[in-house]
């Protein structure tokens, strides 16, 4: 009996860890591309100095995303056509990401007020144009993420993994 419980617990933990690392990897990629964008646009070539904070932000945001998912944010749209939960979750969580980024800047400025208020590491609370730009970029980048997640719910995660990562025969052409 204990062996069965241990195997079930191990399977559950490995499943949750895989889920966490998938979400974390996608968010780290998203935030790293944003850091790259900022380093090019702002002519700040300290890209490696921005990738560490991008990893930390991805870890924290992954936790926020998983908590929001666990709480059932946007669950009221699950019975609608698939496009709605995808777009609403992308919009909702891009808003959470913006809020998280603004709070980060406020906290950093409160702790280190002389560190320089203009930095490419986050969004200044008064910089609406940058916040909207990042929100739009995050929204667009989260659409495929939630699209894959929602399709996986409909057709099953195992089938989705099989479709994405295994070679399939071509469909017959008419």
Protein backbone atom coordinates (compact mmCIF):
# COMPACT_ATOMS: atom_id res chain seq x y z
CA UNK A 1 0.00 0.00 0.00
CA UNK A 2 2.80 2.42 0.88
CA UNK A 3 4.61 1.52 -2.34
CA UNK A 4 1.52 2.36 -4.40
CA UNK A 5 1.12 5.67 -2.55
CA UNK A 6 4.82 6.48 -3.08
CA UNK A 7 4.58 5.74 -6.81
CA UNK A 8 1.44 7.86 -7.11
CA UNK A 9 3.10 10.70 -5.19
CA UNK A 10 6.24 10.44 -7.33
CA UNK A 11 4.15 10.56 -10.52
CA UNK A 12 2.22 13.57 -9.21
CA UNK A 13 5.37 15.45 -8.17
CA UNK A 14 7.11 14.73 -11.49
CA UNK A 15 4.01 15.83 -13.41
CA UNK A 16 3.75 19.09 -11.43
CA UNK A 17 7.51 19.71 -11.76
CA UNK A 18 7.33 19.17 -15.51
CA UNK A 19 4.39 21.56 -15.70
CA UNK A 20 6.27 24.16 -13.63
CA UNK A 21 9.43 23.91 -15.76
CA UNK A 22 7.44 24.14 -19.00
CA UNK A 23 5.75 27.34 -17.80
CA UNK A 24 9.01 28.69 -16.38
CA UNK A 25 10.91 27.96 -19.60
CA UNK A 26 8.36 29.74 -21.75
CA UNK A 27 8.24 32.77 -19.46
CA UNK A 28 12.02 32.91 -19.16
CA UNK A 29 12.26 32.87 -22.96
CA UNK A 30 9.63 35.63 -23.18
CA UNK A 31 11.36 37.84 -20.61
CA UNK A 32 14.82 37.16 -22.05
CA UNK A 33 13.64 38.26 -25.50
CA UNK A 34 12.20 41.39 -23.87
CA UNK A 35 15.59 42.01 -22.16
CA UNK A 36 17.31 41.54 -25.53
CA UNK A 37 14.86 43.97 -27.13
CA UNK A 38 15.56 46.56 -24.42
CA UNK A 39 19.32 46.12 -24.71
CA UNK A 40 19.16 46.78 -28.46
CA UNK A 41 16.59 49.58 -28.45
CA UNK A 42 18.05 51.37 -25.44
CA UNK A 43 21.65 50.79 -26.62
CA UNK A 44 22.36 49.10 -23.29
CA UNK A 45 24.66 46.25 -24.20
CA UNK A 46 24.72 44.74 -20.69
CA UNK A 47 22.47 41.92 -21.89
CA UNK A 48 23.99 39.32 -19.56
CA UNK A 49 23.24 41.64 -16.64
CA UNK A 50 19.56 41.58 -17.63
CA UNK A 51 19.20 37.81 -18.12
CA UNK A 52 19.59 37.06 -14.39
CA UNK A 53 16.70 39.35 -13.41
CA UNK A 54 14.70 37.88 -16.32
CA UNK A 55 15.19 34.41 -14.80
CA UNK A 56 14.12 35.61 -11.36
CA UNK A 57 11.07 37.38 -12.81
CA UNK A 58 10.17 34.22 -14.74
CA UNK A 59 10.36 32.12 -11.56
CA UNK A 60 8.16 34.51 -9.60
CA UNK A 61 5.71 35.05 -12.45
CA UNK A 62 5.46 31.31 -13.01
CA UNK A 63 4.33 30.98 -9.42
CA UNK A 64 1.76 33.77 -9.93
CA UNK A 65 0.51 32.11 -13.10
CA UNK A 66 0.17 28.71 -11.45
CA UNK A 67 -1.62 30.22 -8.46
CA UNK A 68 -4.00 32.07 -10.81
CA UNK A 69 -4.56 28.85 -12.70
CA UNK A 70 -5.21 26.96 -9.46
CA UNK A 71 -7.69 29.64 -8.33
CA UNK A 72 -9.53 29.26 -11.63
CA UNK A 73 -9.00 32.74 -13.05
CA UNK A 74 -10.94 33.00 -16.32
CA UNK A 75 -12.59 29.64 -15.58
CA UNK A 76 -15.97 31.15 -16.51
CA UNK A 77 -14.92 31.06 -20.16
CA UNK A 78 -14.06 27.35 -20.32
CA UNK A 79 -17.39 26.48 -21.97
CA UNK A 80 -17.02 29.13 -24.70
CA UNK A 81 -15.33 28.58 -28.08
CA UNK A 82 -11.63 27.88 -27.53
CA UNK A 83 -10.47 31.29 -28.79
CA UNK A 84 -12.11 33.08 -25.83
CA UNK A 85 -10.31 31.34 -22.97
CA UNK A 86 -7.05 31.68 -24.90
CA UNK A 87 -7.42 35.44 -25.50
CA UNK A 88 -8.86 36.22 -22.08
CA UNK A 89 -6.15 34.31 -20.22
CA UNK A 90 -3.46 35.96 -22.37
CA UNK A 91 -4.92 39.40 -21.60
CA UNK A 92 -5.43 38.68 -17.91
CA UNK A 93 -1.95 37.31 -17.33
CA UNK A 94 -0.24 39.99 -19.43
CA UNK A 95 -1.94 42.48 -17.08
CA UNK A 96 -0.64 40.53 -14.09
CA UNK A 97 2.86 40.57 -15.63
CA UNK A 98 2.69 44.35 -16.10
CA UNK A 99 1.46 44.83 -12.54
CA UNK A 100 4.23 42.59 -11.25
CA UNK A 101 6.84 44.56 -13.23
CA UNK A 102 5.57 47.92 -11.93
CA UNK A 103 5.53 46.65 -8.32
CA UNK A 104 9.08 45.40 -8.78
CA UNK A 105 10.27 48.85 -9.88
CA UNK A 106 8.46 50.54 -6.99
CA UNK A 107 10.01 48.14 -4.46
CA UNK A 108 13.51 48.47 -5.95
CA UNK A 109 13.22 52.28 -5.96
CA UNK A 110 12.03 52.19 -2.33
CA UNK A 111 14.97 50.02 -1.27
CA UNK A 112 17.63 51.72 -3.43
CA UNK A 113 16.31 55.21 -4.22
CA UNK A 114 19.63 56.42 -5.65
CA UNK A 115 20.13 53.45 -7.96
CA UNK A 116 18.80 55.48 -10.87
CA UNK A 117 15.13 55.69 -11.63
CA UNK A 118 15.46 55.03 -15.37
CA UNK A 119 16.51 51.49 -16.04
CA UNK A 120 15.68 48.95 -18.67
CA UNK A 121 15.04 46.31 -16.01
CA UNK A 122 11.42 47.26 -15.42
CA UNK A 123 8.56 49.56 -16.22
CA UNK A 124 8.37 52.87 -14.44
CA UNK A 125 4.94 53.39 -12.86
CA UNK A 126 4.55 56.71 -14.71
CA UNK A 127 5.66 55.40 -18.12
CA UNK A 128 2.31 54.48 -19.69
CA UNK A 129 3.68 54.11 -23.22
CA UNK A 130 6.28 51.54 -22.16
CA UNK A 131 3.74 49.71 -20.01
CA UNK A 132 1.26 49.48 -22.89
CA UNK A 133 3.98 48.38 -25.29
CA UNK A 134 5.14 45.63 -22.93
CA UNK A 135 1.53 44.62 -22.19
CA UNK A 136 0.85 44.20 -25.90
CA UNK A 137 4.08 42.23 -26.43
CA UNK A 138 3.25 40.00 -23.45
CA UNK A 139 -0.34 39.52 -24.66
CA UNK A 140 0.79 38.43 -28.12
CA UNK A 141 3.52 36.18 -26.69
CA UNK A 142 1.10 34.50 -24.26
CA UNK A 143 -1.47 33.63 -26.96
CA UNK A 144 0.49 30.58 -28.26
CA UNK A 145 1.27 29.55 -24.68
CA UNK A 146 -2.39 29.50 -23.65
CA UNK A 147 -3.39 28.14 -27.05
CA UNK A 148 -1.25 25.06 -26.53
CA UNK A 149 -2.51 24.71 -22.96
CA UNK A 150 -6.18 24.97 -23.96
CA UNK A 151 -5.80 22.57 -26.91
CA UNK A 152 -4.07 20.16 -24.52
CA UNK A 153 -7.08 20.31 -22.20
CA UNK A 154 -9.45 19.52 -25.07
CA UNK A 155 -7.56 16.69 -26.78
CA UNK A 156 -5.58 15.47 -23.76
CA UNK A 157 -2.04 16.29 -22.72
CA UNK A 158 -0.65 12.94 -23.90
CA UNK A 159 -2.20 13.34 -27.36
CA UNK A 160 -0.95 16.93 -27.54
CA UNK A 161 2.59 15.87 -26.58
CA UNK A 162 2.42 13.12 -29.20
CA UNK A 163 1.27 15.55 -31.90
CA UNK A 164 3.94 18.11 -31.05
CA UNK A 165 6.96 15.87 -30.51
CA UNK A 166 6.53 12.76 -32.63
CA UNK A 167 6.69 12.40 -36.38
CA UNK A 168 3.35 11.70 -38.08
CA UNK A 169 2.50 10.42 -41.54
CA UNK A 170 1.23 13.02 -43.96
CA UNK A 171 -2.51 13.22 -44.44
CA UNK A 172 -3.67 11.97 -47.86
CA UNK A 173 -4.10 14.76 -50.41
CA UNK A 174 -7.38 14.96 -52.33
